[in-house]
Protein backbone atom coordinates (compact mmCIF):
# COMPACT_ATOMS: atom_id res chain seq x y z
CA UNK A 1 0.00 0.00 0.00
CA UNK A 2 3.02 2.26 -0.21
CA UNK A 3 2.04 2.53 -3.90
CA UNK A 4 -1.52 3.67 -3.06
CA UNK A 5 -0.76 7.42 -2.96
CA UNK A 6 -1.02 7.50 0.83
CA UNK A 7 1.74 10.11 0.87
CA UNK A 8 -0.64 12.54 -0.81
CA UNK A 9 -2.93 12.44 2.21
CA UNK A 10 -0.04 12.56 4.66
CA UNK A 11 1.40 15.65 2.98
CA UNK A 12 -1.93 17.42 2.49
CA UNK A 13 -3.19 16.98 6.05
CA UNK A 14 -0.05 16.58 8.14
CA UNK A 15 -0.79 12.94 8.86
CA UNK A 16 1.37 10.07 10.01
CA UNK A 17 0.10 6.99 8.16
CA UNK A 18 1.02 3.54 9.44
CA UNK A 19 0.39 0.50 7.23
CA UNK A 20 0.64 -2.60 9.45
CA UNK A 21 0.49 -6.20 8.30
CA UNK A 22 -1.65 -8.74 10.15
CA UNK A 23 0.36 -10.93 12.49
CA UNK A 24 -2.50 -13.40 12.84
CA UNK A 25 -3.74 -14.08 9.32
CA UNK A 26 -6.81 -16.20 8.65
CA UNK A 27 -8.23 -17.71 5.43
CA UNK A 28 -7.13 -16.07 2.15
CA UNK A 29 -4.37 -14.31 4.15
CA UNK A 30 -6.99 -11.99 5.62
CA UNK A 31 -7.10 -10.03 8.82
CA UNK A 32 -8.72 -12.41 11.29
CA UNK A 33 -11.96 -10.59 12.03
CA UNK A 34 -13.99 -13.75 12.67
CA UNK A 35 -11.73 -16.25 14.46
CA UNK A 36 -10.35 -13.95 17.14
CA UNK A 37 -12.66 -12.69 19.86
CA UNK A 38 -13.35 -8.96 19.51
CA UNK A 39 -11.26 -7.81 22.45
CA UNK A 40 -8.70 -5.12 23.11
CA UNK A 41 -6.40 -7.76 24.59
CA UNK A 42 -6.49 -10.45 21.88
CA UNK A 43 -4.74 -11.05 18.56
CA UNK A 44 -4.16 -8.15 16.23
CA UNK A 45 -6.61 -5.96 18.13
CA UNK A 46 -4.01 -5.80 20.88
CA UNK A 47 -1.23 -5.35 18.32
CA UNK A 48 -2.94 -2.37 16.68
CA UNK A 49 -3.45 -0.66 20.02
CA UNK A 50 0.21 -1.26 20.85
CA UNK A 51 1.22 0.22 17.50
CA UNK A 52 -0.86 3.34 18.10
CA UNK A 53 0.59 3.77 21.56
CA UNK A 54 4.14 3.32 20.25
CA UNK A 55 3.69 5.93 17.53
CA UNK A 56 2.06 8.43 19.86
CA UNK A 57 5.01 8.05 22.24
CA UNK A 58 7.45 9.17 19.51
CA UNK A 59 7.68 12.87 20.28
CA UNK A 60 9.26 13.59 16.89
CA UNK A 61 6.00 12.61 15.18
CA UNK A 62 3.97 15.11 17.23
CA UNK A 63 0.77 13.07 16.99
CA UNK A 64 -2.34 14.66 18.45
CA UNK A 65 -4.12 11.92 20.47
CA UNK A 66 -7.46 13.50 19.54
CA UNK A 67 -6.73 13.02 15.84
CA UNK A 68 -6.09 9.30 15.52
CA UNK A 69 -8.08 7.39 12.89
CA UNK A 70 -8.29 3.88 11.48
CA UNK A 71 -9.29 2.52 8.08
CA UNK A 72 -8.95 -0.53 5.88
CA UNK A 73 -10.26 -2.52 2.93
CA UNK A 74 -12.17 -5.81 2.93
CA UNK A 75 -11.06 -7.94 5.90
CA UNK A 76 -8.92 -4.99 6.96
CA UNK A 77 -11.99 -2.81 6.67
CA UNK A 78 -14.16 -4.85 9.02
CA UNK A 79 -11.14 -5.30 11.33
CA UNK A 80 -10.74 -1.52 11.42
CA UNK A 81 -14.49 -1.26 12.04
CA UNK A 82 -14.29 -3.64 15.01
CA UNK A 83 -11.19 -1.87 16.32
CA UNK A 84 -12.77 1.57 16.12
CA UNK A 85 -15.77 0.32 18.05
CA UNK A 86 -13.63 -1.47 20.65
CA UNK A 87 -11.58 1.66 21.33
CA UNK A 88 -13.65 4.74 20.45
CA UNK A 89 -11.76 6.86 22.96
CA UNK A 90 -8.62 6.27 20.87
CA UNK A 91 -10.02 6.42 17.33
CA UNK A 92 -11.83 9.63 16.43
CA UNK A 93 -12.83 8.27 13.04
CA UNK A 94 -13.29 5.00 11.14
CA UNK A 95 -13.06 4.40 7.38
CA UNK A 96 -14.37 1.11 5.96
CA UNK A 97 -13.80 0.36 2.27
CA UNK A 98 -15.54 -2.71 0.83
CA UNK A 99 -15.85 -4.31 4.25
CA UNK A 100 -18.60 -6.22 6.07
CA UNK A 101 -20.28 -4.89 9.19
CA UNK A 102 -18.87 -4.85 12.71
CA UNK A 103 -19.11 -8.30 14.26
CA UNK A 104 -19.44 -10.12 10.92
CA UNK A 105 -18.77 -13.85 10.71
CA UNK A 106 -16.53 -15.48 8.10
CA UNK A 107 -19.62 -16.12 5.95
CA UNK A 108 -20.37 -12.43 6.08
CA UNK A 109 -17.38 -11.71 3.87
CA UNK A 110 -19.20 -13.17 0.86
CA UNK A 111 -22.91 -12.91 1.65
CA UNK A 112 -24.92 -10.21 3.38
CA UNK A 113 -25.70 -10.71 7.04
CA UNK A 114 -26.98 -8.49 9.80
CA UNK A 115 -28.82 -5.18 9.55
CA UNK A 116 -28.19 -1.53 10.44
CA UNK A 117 -29.63 -2.11 13.92
CA UNK A 118 -27.49 -5.19 14.44
CA UNK A 119 -24.42 -3.32 13.25
CA UNK A 120 -25.20 -0.55 15.73
CA UNK A 121 -25.73 -3.02 18.56
CA UNK A 122 -22.46 -4.83 17.85
CA UNK A 123 -20.48 -1.58 17.78
CA UNK A 124 -22.00 -0.29 21.00
CA UNK A 125 -21.45 -3.62 22.75
CA UNK A 126 -17.82 -3.70 21.64
CA UNK A 127 -17.29 -0.22 23.09
CA UNK A 128 -18.53 -1.29 26.52
CA UNK A 129 -17.64 1.23 29.19
CA UNK A 130 -16.10 3.50 26.53
CA UNK A 131 -19.30 3.87 24.53
CA UNK A 132 -19.70 7.54 25.49
CA UNK A 133 -16.76 8.30 23.18
CA UNK A 134 -18.85 7.17 20.23
CA UNK A 135 -20.66 10.48 20.66
CA UNK A 136 -17.70 12.31 19.11
CA UNK A 137 -16.61 9.77 16.50
CA UNK A 138 -16.84 9.98 12.68
CA UNK A 139 -17.53 7.19 10.19
CA UNK A 140 -16.99 6.77 6.45
CA UNK A 141 -18.10 3.82 4.33
CA UNK A 142 -16.98 3.26 0.72
CA UNK A 143 -17.25 0.67 -2.02
CA UNK A 144 -16.87 0.27 -5.77
CA UNK A 145 -19.84 -0.30 -8.04
CA UNK A 146 -18.00 -3.22 -9.70
CA UNK A 147 -17.11 -5.00 -6.45
CA UNK A 148 -18.16 -8.63 -6.89
CA UNK A 149 -16.32 -9.97 -3.83
CA UNK A 150 -17.85 -8.36 -0.73
CA UNK A 151 -21.57 -7.51 -1.03
CA UNK A 152 -21.99 -3.86 -1.94
CA UNK A 153 -24.99 -3.59 0.39
CA UNK A 154 -22.66 -3.45 3.36
CA UNK A 155 -21.74 0.12 2.48
CA UNK A 156 -25.21 1.46 3.16
CA UNK A 157 -25.77 -0.92 6.06
CA UNK A 158 -22.56 0.21 7.75
CA UNK A 159 -23.36 3.89 7.28
CA UNK A 160 -26.92 3.49 8.53
CA UNK A 161 -25.74 1.44 11.51
CA UNK A 162 -23.26 4.06 12.62
CA UNK A 163 -25.82 6.81 12.10
CA UNK A 164 -27.89 4.95 14.70
CA UNK A 165 -24.90 4.67 17.03
CA UNK A 166 -24.16 8.38 16.75
CA UNK A 167 -27.66 9.41 17.82
CA UNK A 168 -30.04 8.34 15.05
CA UNK A 169 -28.63 10.86 12.57
CA UNK A 170 -30.85 11.62 9.60
CA UNK A 171 -29.71 10.75 6.08
CA UNK A 172 -29.61 13.85 3.87
CA UNK A 173 -31.29 13.72 0.48
CA UNK A 174 -29.35 13.49 -2.75
CA UNK A 175 -25.70 12.83 -3.55
CA UNK A 176 -22.74 15.05 -4.36
CA UNK A 177 -19.52 14.59 -6.31
CA UNK A 178 -16.15 14.18 -4.57
CA UNK A 179 -12.79 15.72 -5.39
CA UNK A 180 -14.08 16.74 -8.78
CA UNK A 181 -13.67 13.17 -10.06
CA UNK A 182 -16.43 11.83 -12.28
CA UNK A 183 -18.23 8.80 -10.91
CA UNK A 184 -17.60 9.37 -7.19
CA UNK A 185 -20.93 9.89 -5.45
CA UNK A 186 -21.27 10.87 -1.80
CA UNK A 187 -24.22 10.41 0.54
CA UNK A 188 -24.09 12.32 3.82
CA UNK A 189 -25.86 12.05 7.16
CA UNK A 190 -26.79 14.79 9.61
CA UNK A 191 -23.92 16.87 11.06
CA UNK A 192 -21.56 15.37 8.42
CA UNK A 193 -20.54 12.65 10.87
CA UNK A 194 -21.36 9.72 8.59
CA UNK A 195 -20.75 9.50 4.84
CA UNK A 196 -21.06 6.85 2.13
CA UNK A 197 -18.79 7.05 -0.93
CA UNK A 198 -19.69 5.00 -4.01
CA UNK A 199 -17.05 4.78 -6.74
CA UNK A 200 -18.37 3.99 -10.20
CA UNK A 201 -16.45 1.29 -12.07
CA UNK A 202 -14.16 0.37 -9.16
CA UNK A 203 -13.90 -3.29 -8.18
CA UNK A 204 -12.75 -4.86 -4.92
CA UNK A 205 -9.85 -2.50 -4.36
CA UNK A 206 -8.60 0.41 -2.29
CA UNK A 207 -9.25 3.65 -4.24
CA UNK A 208 -5.78 5.14 -4.57
CA UNK A 209 -6.41 7.83 -7.14
CA UNK A 210 -4.55 8.54 -10.35
CA UNK A 211 -1.26 6.67 -10.64
CA UNK A 212 -1.87 4.27 -7.76
CA UNK A 213 -0.95 0.65 -8.44
CA UNK A 214 -0.59 -2.74 -6.81
CA UNK A 215 -2.67 -5.69 -5.69
CA UNK A 216 -6.20 -4.66 -4.62
CA UNK A 217 -5.39 -1.01 -5.37
CA UNK A 218 -7.36 1.02 -7.91
CA UNK A 219 -5.64 3.82 -9.82
CA UNK A 220 -8.60 5.16 -11.80
CA UNK A 221 -10.93 6.79 -9.30
CA UNK A 222 -10.86 8.96 -6.18
CA UNK A 223 -8.04 8.84 -3.63
CA UNK A 224 -9.86 7.49 -0.58
CA UNK A 225 -7.00 8.32 1.81
CA UNK A 226 -7.10 11.91 0.59
CA UNK A 227 -10.86 11.98 1.05
CA UNK A 228 -10.55 10.57 4.57
CA UNK A 229 -7.89 13.13 5.48
CA UNK A 230 -10.23 15.94 4.48
CA UNK A 231 -13.33 14.37 6.04
CA UNK A 232 -11.66 13.64 9.36
CA UNK A 233 -9.75 16.92 9.67
CA UNK A 234 -12.73 19.12 8.81
CA UNK A 235 -15.27 17.34 11.03
CA UNK A 236 -13.34 16.12 14.07
CA UNK A 237 -15.44 16.90 17.13
CA UNK A 238 -12.55 16.40 19.56
CA UNK A 239 -10.49 19.42 18.47
CA UNK A 240 -11.24 23.13 18.27
CA UNK A 241 -12.20 24.37 14.77
CA UNK A 242 -9.38 25.99 12.86
C-alpha atoms as a PDB file:
ATOM      1  CA  UNK A   1       0.000   0.000   0.000  1.00  0.00           C
ATOM      2  CA  UNK A   2       3.020   2.261  -0.209  1.00  0.00           C
ATOM      3  CA  UNK A   3       2.041   2.533  -3.902  1.00  0.00           C
ATOM      4  CA  UNK A   4      -1.519   3.668  -3.060  1.00  0.00           C
ATOM      5  CA  UNK A   5      -0.755   7.422  -2.960  1.00  0.00           C
ATOM      6  CA  UNK A   6      -1.017   7.500   0.827  1.00  0.00           C
ATOM      7  CA  UNK A   7       1.741  10.107   0.869  1.00  0.00           C
ATOM      8  CA  UNK A   8      -0.641  12.544  -0.811  1.00  0.00           C
ATOM      9  CA  UNK A   9      -2.933  12.444   2.211  1.00  0.00           C
ATOM     10  CA  UNK A  10      -0.038  12.565   4.655  1.00  0.00           C
ATOM     11  CA  UNK A  11       1.398  15.649   2.975  1.00  0.00           C
ATOM     12  CA  UNK A  12      -1.930  17.417   2.493  1.00  0.00           C
ATOM     13  CA  UNK A  13      -3.192  16.984   6.048  1.00  0.00           C
ATOM     14  CA  UNK A  14      -0.047  16.579   8.137  1.00  0.00           C
ATOM     15  CA  UNK A  15      -0.788  12.945   8.856  1.00  0.00           C
ATOM     16  CA  UNK A  16       1.370  10.072  10.010  1.00  0.00           C
ATOM     17  CA  UNK A  17       0.096   6.993   8.163  1.00  0.00           C
ATOM     18  CA  UNK A  18       1.023   3.543   9.445  1.00  0.00           C
ATOM     19  CA  UNK A  19       0.390   0.498   7.231  1.00  0.00           C
ATOM     20  CA  UNK A  20       0.637  -2.599   9.446  1.00  0.00           C
ATOM     21  CA  UNK A  21       0.489  -6.203   8.305  1.00  0.00           C
ATOM     22  CA  UNK A  22      -1.647  -8.735  10.151  1.00  0.00           C
ATOM     23  CA  UNK A  23       0.365 -10.927  12.495  1.00  0.00           C
ATOM     24  CA  UNK A  24      -2.497 -13.403  12.844  1.00  0.00           C
ATOM     25  CA  UNK A  25      -3.738 -14.079   9.323  1.00  0.00           C
ATOM     26  CA  UNK A  26      -6.807 -16.196   8.645  1.00  0.00           C
ATOM     27  CA  UNK A  27      -8.226 -17.706   5.427  1.00  0.00           C
ATOM     28  CA  UNK A  28      -7.134 -16.069   2.150  1.00  0.00           C
ATOM     29  CA  UNK A  29      -4.368 -14.310   4.151  1.00  0.00           C
ATOM     30  CA  UNK A  30      -6.990 -11.993   5.624  1.00  0.00           C
ATOM     31  CA  UNK A  31      -7.097 -10.026   8.824  1.00  0.00           C
ATOM     32  CA  UNK A  32      -8.724 -12.412  11.294  1.00  0.00           C
ATOM     33  CA  UNK A  33     -11.959 -10.590  12.029  1.00  0.00           C
ATOM     34  CA  UNK A  34     -13.986 -13.748  12.670  1.00  0.00           C
ATOM     35  CA  UNK A  35     -11.732 -16.255  14.456  1.00  0.00           C
ATOM     36  CA  UNK A  36     -10.353 -13.953  17.136  1.00  0.00           C
ATOM     37  CA  UNK A  37     -12.659 -12.687  19.856  1.00  0.00           C
ATOM     38  CA  UNK A  38     -13.346  -8.961  19.510  1.00  0.00           C
ATOM     39  CA  UNK A  39     -11.261  -7.808  22.454  1.00  0.00           C
ATOM     40  CA  UNK A  40      -8.697  -5.123  23.106  1.00  0.00           C
ATOM     41  CA  UNK A  41      -6.398  -7.761  24.593  1.00  0.00           C
ATOM     42  CA  UNK A  42      -6.489 -10.445  21.879  1.00  0.00           C
ATOM     43  CA  UNK A  43      -4.740 -11.046  18.563  1.00  0.00           C
ATOM     44  CA  UNK A  44      -4.161  -8.147  16.227  1.00  0.00           C
ATOM     45  CA  UNK A  45      -6.610  -5.959  18.130  1.00  0.00           C
ATOM     46  CA  UNK A  46      -4.012  -5.801  20.884  1.00  0.00           C
ATOM     47  CA  UNK A  47      -1.233  -5.351  18.316  1.00  0.00           C
ATOM     48  CA  UNK A  48      -2.943  -2.374  16.681  1.00  0.00           C
ATOM     49  CA  UNK A  49      -3.450  -0.656  20.022  1.00  0.00           C
ATOM     50  CA  UNK A  50       0.212  -1.261  20.852  1.00  0.00           C
ATOM     51  CA  UNK A  51       1.224   0.215  17.497  1.00  0.00           C
ATOM     52  CA  UNK A  52      -0.865   3.339  18.098  1.00  0.00           C
ATOM     53  CA  UNK A  53       0.591   3.765  21.559  1.00  0.00           C
ATOM     54  CA  UNK A  54       4.142   3.318  20.247  1.00  0.00           C
ATOM     55  CA  UNK A  55       3.691   5.929  17.528  1.00  0.00           C
ATOM     56  CA  UNK A  56       2.062   8.433  19.860  1.00  0.00           C
ATOM     57  CA  UNK A  57       5.011   8.054  22.236  1.00  0.00           C
ATOM     58  CA  UNK A  58       7.449   9.170  19.513  1.00  0.00           C
ATOM     59  CA  UNK A  59       7.685  12.868  20.282  1.00  0.00           C
ATOM     60  CA  UNK A  60       9.263  13.592  16.887  1.00  0.00           C
ATOM     61  CA  UNK A  61       5.996  12.611  15.177  1.00  0.00           C
ATOM     62  CA  UNK A  62       3.972  15.107  17.226  1.00  0.00           C
ATOM     63  CA  UNK A  63       0.768  13.074  16.986  1.00  0.00           C
ATOM     64  CA  UNK A  64      -2.341  14.658  18.454  1.00  0.00           C
ATOM     65  CA  UNK A  65      -4.120  11.921  20.472  1.00  0.00           C
ATOM     66  CA  UNK A  66      -7.458  13.502  19.538  1.00  0.00           C
ATOM     67  CA  UNK A  67      -6.728  13.016  15.839  1.00  0.00           C
ATOM     68  CA  UNK A  68      -6.092   9.296  15.518  1.00  0.00           C
ATOM     69  CA  UNK A  69      -8.081   7.392  12.894  1.00  0.00           C
ATOM     70  CA  UNK A  70      -8.294   3.876  11.477  1.00  0.00           C
ATOM     71  CA  UNK A  71      -9.294   2.523   8.080  1.00  0.00           C
ATOM     72  CA  UNK A  72      -8.951  -0.534   5.876  1.00  0.00           C
ATOM     73  CA  UNK A  73     -10.265  -2.515   2.933  1.00  0.00           C
ATOM     74  CA  UNK A  74     -12.172  -5.809   2.927  1.00  0.00           C
ATOM     75  CA  UNK A  75     -11.064  -7.941   5.899  1.00  0.00           C
ATOM     76  CA  UNK A  76      -8.922  -4.994   6.957  1.00  0.00           C
ATOM     77  CA  UNK A  77     -11.995  -2.812   6.669  1.00  0.00           C
ATOM     78  CA  UNK A  78     -14.156  -4.852   9.017  1.00  0.00           C
ATOM     79  CA  UNK A  79     -11.143  -5.305  11.326  1.00  0.00           C
ATOM     80  CA  UNK A  80     -10.740  -1.518  11.423  1.00  0.00           C
ATOM     81  CA  UNK A  81     -14.488  -1.260  12.044  1.00  0.00           C
ATOM     82  CA  UNK A  82     -14.289  -3.635  15.013  1.00  0.00           C
ATOM     83  CA  UNK A  83     -11.189  -1.865  16.323  1.00  0.00           C
ATOM     84  CA  UNK A  84     -12.771   1.566  16.116  1.00  0.00           C
ATOM     85  CA  UNK A  85     -15.768   0.318  18.052  1.00  0.00           C
ATOM     86  CA  UNK A  86     -13.634  -1.468  20.647  1.00  0.00           C
ATOM     87  CA  UNK A  87     -11.582   1.659  21.326  1.00  0.00           C
ATOM     88  CA  UNK A  88     -13.650   4.744  20.451  1.00  0.00           C
ATOM     89  CA  UNK A  89     -11.760   6.861  22.958  1.00  0.00           C
ATOM     90  CA  UNK A  90      -8.624   6.274  20.865  1.00  0.00           C
ATOM     91  CA  UNK A  91     -10.025   6.417  17.334  1.00  0.00           C
ATOM     92  CA  UNK A  92     -11.831   9.632  16.431  1.00  0.00           C
ATOM     93  CA  UNK A  93     -12.831   8.265  13.044  1.00  0.00           C
ATOM     94  CA  UNK A  94     -13.293   5.005  11.135  1.00  0.00           C
ATOM     95  CA  UNK A  95     -13.064   4.400   7.384  1.00  0.00           C
ATOM     96  CA  UNK A  96     -14.365   1.109   5.956  1.00  0.00           C
ATOM     97  CA  UNK A  97     -13.796   0.363   2.267  1.00  0.00           C
ATOM     98  CA  UNK A  98     -15.538  -2.711   0.830  1.00  0.00           C
ATOM     99  CA  UNK A  99     -15.846  -4.309   4.251  1.00  0.00           C
ATOM    100  CA  UNK A 100     -18.598  -6.222   6.068  1.00  0.00           C
ATOM    101  CA  UNK A 101     -20.275  -4.887   9.189  1.00  0.00           C
ATOM    102  CA  UNK A 102     -18.865  -4.847  12.709  1.00  0.00           C
ATOM    103  CA  UNK A 103     -19.108  -8.296  14.260  1.00  0.00           C
ATOM    104  CA  UNK A 104     -19.442 -10.117  10.922  1.00  0.00           C
ATOM    105  CA  UNK A 105     -18.774 -13.848  10.711  1.00  0.00           C
ATOM    106  CA  UNK A 106     -16.529 -15.483   8.101  1.00  0.00           C
ATOM    107  CA  UNK A 107     -19.616 -16.125   5.950  1.00  0.00           C
ATOM    108  CA  UNK A 108     -20.369 -12.427   6.084  1.00  0.00           C
ATOM    109  CA  UNK A 109     -17.376 -11.709   3.869  1.00  0.00           C
ATOM    110  CA  UNK A 110     -19.196 -13.167   0.864  1.00  0.00           C
ATOM    111  CA  UNK A 111     -22.906 -12.911   1.649  1.00  0.00           C
ATOM    112  CA  UNK A 112     -24.918 -10.213   3.381  1.00  0.00           C
ATOM    113  CA  UNK A 113     -25.695 -10.714   7.036  1.00  0.00           C
ATOM    114  CA  UNK A 114     -26.984  -8.486   9.796  1.00  0.00           C
ATOM    115  CA  UNK A 115     -28.819  -5.175   9.553  1.00  0.00           C
ATOM    116  CA  UNK A 116     -28.190  -1.533  10.441  1.00  0.00           C
ATOM    117  CA  UNK A 117     -29.634  -2.105  13.916  1.00  0.00           C
ATOM    118  CA  UNK A 118     -27.486  -5.194  14.436  1.00  0.00           C
ATOM    119  CA  UNK A 119     -24.423  -3.321  13.253  1.00  0.00           C
ATOM    120  CA  UNK A 120     -25.198  -0.548  15.727  1.00  0.00           C
ATOM    121  CA  UNK A 121     -25.727  -3.023  18.557  1.00  0.00           C
ATOM    122  CA  UNK A 122     -22.456  -4.825  17.849  1.00  0.00           C
ATOM    123  CA  UNK A 123     -20.478  -1.581  17.780  1.00  0.00           C
ATOM    124  CA  UNK A 124     -22.004  -0.287  20.996  1.00  0.00           C
ATOM    125  CA  UNK A 125     -21.452  -3.621  22.747  1.00  0.00           C
ATOM    126  CA  UNK A 126     -17.815  -3.701  21.640  1.00  0.00           C
ATOM    127  CA  UNK A 127     -17.288  -0.218  23.091  1.00  0.00           C
ATOM    128  CA  UNK A 128     -18.527  -1.288  26.521  1.00  0.00           C
ATOM    129  CA  UNK A 129     -17.639   1.234  29.193  1.00  0.00           C
ATOM    130  CA  UNK A 130     -16.100   3.504  26.533  1.00  0.00           C
ATOM    131  CA  UNK A 131     -19.303   3.873  24.525  1.00  0.00           C
ATOM    132  CA  UNK A 132     -19.700   7.542  25.486  1.00  0.00           C
ATOM    133  CA  UNK A 133     -16.760   8.302  23.184  1.00  0.00           C
ATOM    134  CA  UNK A 134     -18.853   7.167  20.230  1.00  0.00           C
ATOM    135  CA  UNK A 135     -20.664  10.485  20.663  1.00  0.00           C
ATOM    136  CA  UNK A 136     -17.700  12.307  19.108  1.00  0.00           C
ATOM    137  CA  UNK A 137     -16.605   9.766  16.505  1.00  0.00           C
ATOM    138  CA  UNK A 138     -16.842   9.977  12.685  1.00  0.00           C
ATOM    139  CA  UNK A 139     -17.534   7.195  10.186  1.00  0.00           C
ATOM    140  CA  UNK A 140     -16.988   6.772   6.447  1.00  0.00           C
ATOM    141  CA  UNK A 141     -18.102   3.824   4.326  1.00  0.00           C
ATOM    142  CA  UNK A 142     -16.978   3.263   0.725  1.00  0.00           C
ATOM    143  CA  UNK A 143     -17.247   0.666  -2.018  1.00  0.00           C
ATOM    144  CA  UNK A 144     -16.871   0.274  -5.774  1.00  0.00           C
ATOM    145  CA  UNK A 145     -19.845  -0.304  -8.039  1.00  0.00           C
ATOM    146  CA  UNK A 146     -17.999  -3.223  -9.705  1.00  0.00           C
ATOM    147  CA  UNK A 147     -17.108  -4.995  -6.454  1.00  0.00           C
ATOM    148  CA  UNK A 148     -18.157  -8.630  -6.889  1.00  0.00           C
ATOM    149  CA  UNK A 149     -16.318  -9.966  -3.828  1.00  0.00           C
ATOM    150  CA  UNK A 150     -17.846  -8.358  -0.734  1.00  0.00           C
ATOM    151  CA  UNK A 151     -21.568  -7.508  -1.028  1.00  0.00           C
ATOM    152  CA  UNK A 152     -21.991  -3.856  -1.937  1.00  0.00           C
ATOM    153  CA  UNK A 153     -24.991  -3.585   0.387  1.00  0.00           C
ATOM    154  CA  UNK A 154     -22.664  -3.446   3.361  1.00  0.00           C
ATOM    155  CA  UNK A 155     -21.737   0.121   2.477  1.00  0.00           C
ATOM    156  CA  UNK A 156     -25.208   1.464   3.163  1.00  0.00           C
ATOM    157  CA  UNK A 157     -25.771  -0.923   6.062  1.00  0.00           C
ATOM    158  CA  UNK A 158     -22.562   0.208   7.751  1.00  0.00           C
ATOM    159  CA  UNK A 159     -23.360   3.888   7.276  1.00  0.00           C
ATOM    160  CA  UNK A 160     -26.917   3.492   8.531  1.00  0.00           C
ATOM    161  CA  UNK A 161     -25.735   1.437  11.507  1.00  0.00           C
ATOM    162  CA  UNK A 162     -23.262   4.064  12.620  1.00  0.00           C
ATOM    163  CA  UNK A 163     -25.818   6.812  12.099  1.00  0.00           C
ATOM    164  CA  UNK A 164     -27.889   4.954  14.699  1.00  0.00           C
ATOM    165  CA  UNK A 165     -24.897   4.671  17.035  1.00  0.00           C
ATOM    166  CA  UNK A 166     -24.162   8.382  16.751  1.00  0.00           C
ATOM    167  CA  UNK A 167     -27.656   9.406  17.817  1.00  0.00           C
ATOM    168  CA  UNK A 168     -30.039   8.338  15.047  1.00  0.00           C
ATOM    169  CA  UNK A 169     -28.631  10.860  12.574  1.00  0.00           C
ATOM    170  CA  UNK A 170     -30.852  11.617   9.596  1.00  0.00           C
ATOM    171  CA  UNK A 171     -29.711  10.754   6.084  1.00  0.00           C
ATOM    172  CA  UNK A 172     -29.608  13.854   3.875  1.00  0.00           C
ATOM    173  CA  UNK A 173     -31.287  13.716   0.480  1.00  0.00           C
ATOM    174  CA  UNK A 174     -29.346  13.494  -2.754  1.00  0.00           C
ATOM    175  CA  UNK A 175     -25.700  12.825  -3.547  1.00  0.00           C
ATOM    176  CA  UNK A 176     -22.740  15.054  -4.363  1.00  0.00           C
ATOM    177  CA  UNK A 177     -19.517  14.588  -6.307  1.00  0.00           C
ATOM    178  CA  UNK A 178     -16.152  14.180  -4.565  1.00  0.00           C
ATOM    179  CA  UNK A 179     -12.787  15.716  -5.388  1.00  0.00           C
ATOM    180  CA  UNK A 180     -14.082  16.745  -8.783  1.00  0.00           C
ATOM    181  CA  UNK A 181     -13.671  13.174 -10.061  1.00  0.00           C
ATOM    182  CA  UNK A 182     -16.427  11.833 -12.285  1.00  0.00           C
ATOM    183  CA  UNK A 183     -18.232   8.799 -10.906  1.00  0.00           C
ATOM    184  CA  UNK A 184     -17.604   9.374  -7.194  1.00  0.00           C
ATOM    185  CA  UNK A 185     -20.926   9.890  -5.448  1.00  0.00           C
ATOM    186  CA  UNK A 186     -21.268  10.868  -1.802  1.00  0.00           C
ATOM    187  CA  UNK A 187     -24.225  10.415   0.540  1.00  0.00           C
ATOM    188  CA  UNK A 188     -24.095  12.321   3.823  1.00  0.00           C
ATOM    189  CA  UNK A 189     -25.860  12.047   7.158  1.00  0.00           C
ATOM    190  CA  UNK A 190     -26.787  14.788   9.611  1.00  0.00           C
ATOM    191  CA  UNK A 191     -23.917  16.866  11.057  1.00  0.00           C
ATOM    192  CA  UNK A 192     -21.564  15.367   8.423  1.00  0.00           C
ATOM    193  CA  UNK A 193     -20.537  12.651  10.871  1.00  0.00           C
ATOM    194  CA  UNK A 194     -21.364   9.718   8.588  1.00  0.00           C
ATOM    195  CA  UNK A 195     -20.754   9.498   4.835  1.00  0.00           C
ATOM    196  CA  UNK A 196     -21.062   6.846   2.126  1.00  0.00           C
ATOM    197  CA  UNK A 197     -18.789   7.052  -0.926  1.00  0.00           C
ATOM    198  CA  UNK A 198     -19.689   5.000  -4.011  1.00  0.00           C
ATOM    199  CA  UNK A 199     -17.052   4.782  -6.741  1.00  0.00           C
ATOM    200  CA  UNK A 200     -18.368   3.995 -10.196  1.00  0.00           C
ATOM    201  CA  UNK A 201     -16.454   1.295 -12.066  1.00  0.00           C
ATOM    202  CA  UNK A 202     -14.161   0.365  -9.160  1.00  0.00           C
ATOM    203  CA  UNK A 203     -13.898  -3.292  -8.182  1.00  0.00           C
ATOM    204  CA  UNK A 204     -12.751  -4.862  -4.923  1.00  0.00           C
ATOM    205  CA  UNK A 205      -9.851  -2.499  -4.365  1.00  0.00           C
ATOM    206  CA  UNK A 206      -8.602   0.413  -2.285  1.00  0.00           C
ATOM    207  CA  UNK A 207      -9.252   3.648  -4.240  1.00  0.00           C
ATOM    208  CA  UNK A 208      -5.784   5.140  -4.568  1.00  0.00           C
ATOM    209  CA  UNK A 209      -6.411   7.834  -7.140  1.00  0.00           C
ATOM    210  CA  UNK A 210      -4.548   8.536 -10.353  1.00  0.00           C
ATOM    211  CA  UNK A 211      -1.261   6.667 -10.640  1.00  0.00           C
ATOM    212  CA  UNK A 212      -1.875   4.267  -7.765  1.00  0.00           C
ATOM    213  CA  UNK A 213      -0.948   0.651  -8.439  1.00  0.00           C
ATOM    214  CA  UNK A 214      -0.593  -2.735  -6.814  1.00  0.00           C
ATOM    215  CA  UNK A 215      -2.668  -5.686  -5.687  1.00  0.00           C
ATOM    216  CA  UNK A 216      -6.197  -4.663  -4.616  1.00  0.00           C
ATOM    217  CA  UNK A 217      -5.391  -1.011  -5.369  1.00  0.00           C
ATOM    218  CA  UNK A 218      -7.363   1.024  -7.907  1.00  0.00           C
ATOM    219  CA  UNK A 219      -5.644   3.818  -9.822  1.00  0.00           C
ATOM    220  CA  UNK A 220      -8.599   5.162 -11.800  1.00  0.00           C
ATOM    221  CA  UNK A 221     -10.935   6.793  -9.304  1.00  0.00           C
ATOM    222  CA  UNK A 222     -10.860   8.964  -6.182  1.00  0.00           C
ATOM    223  CA  UNK A 223      -8.038   8.841  -3.632  1.00  0.00           C
ATOM    224  CA  UNK A 224      -9.856   7.494  -0.577  1.00  0.00           C
ATOM    225  CA  UNK A 225      -7.002   8.320   1.807  1.00  0.00           C
ATOM    226  CA  UNK A 226      -7.095  11.913   0.590  1.00  0.00           C
ATOM    227  CA  UNK A 227     -10.860  11.979   1.045  1.00  0.00           C
ATOM    228  CA  UNK A 228     -10.545  10.567   4.575  1.00  0.00           C
ATOM    229  CA  UNK A 229      -7.891  13.128   5.481  1.00  0.00           C
ATOM    230  CA  UNK A 230     -10.231  15.938   4.477  1.00  0.00           C
ATOM    231  CA  UNK A 231     -13.330  14.373   6.038  1.00  0.00           C
ATOM    232  CA  UNK A 232     -11.658  13.641   9.364  1.00  0.00           C
ATOM    233  CA  UNK A 233      -9.751  16.918   9.674  1.00  0.00           C
ATOM    234  CA  UNK A 234     -12.734  19.116   8.809  1.00  0.00           C
ATOM    235  CA  UNK A 235     -15.271  17.343  11.027  1.00  0.00           C
ATOM    236  CA  UNK A 236     -13.336  16.118  14.069  1.00  0.00           C
ATOM    237  CA  UNK A 237     -15.439  16.903  17.135  1.00  0.00           C
ATOM    238  CA  UNK A 238     -12.545  16.404  19.555  1.00  0.00           C
ATOM    239  CA  UNK A 239     -10.490  19.417  18.473  1.00  0.00           C
ATOM    240  CA  UNK A 240     -11.241  23.132  18.265  1.00  0.00           C
ATOM    241  CA  UNK A 241     -12.199  24.372  14.771  1.00  0.00           C
ATOM    242  CA  UNK A 242      -9.377  25.993  12.858  1.00  0.00           C
END
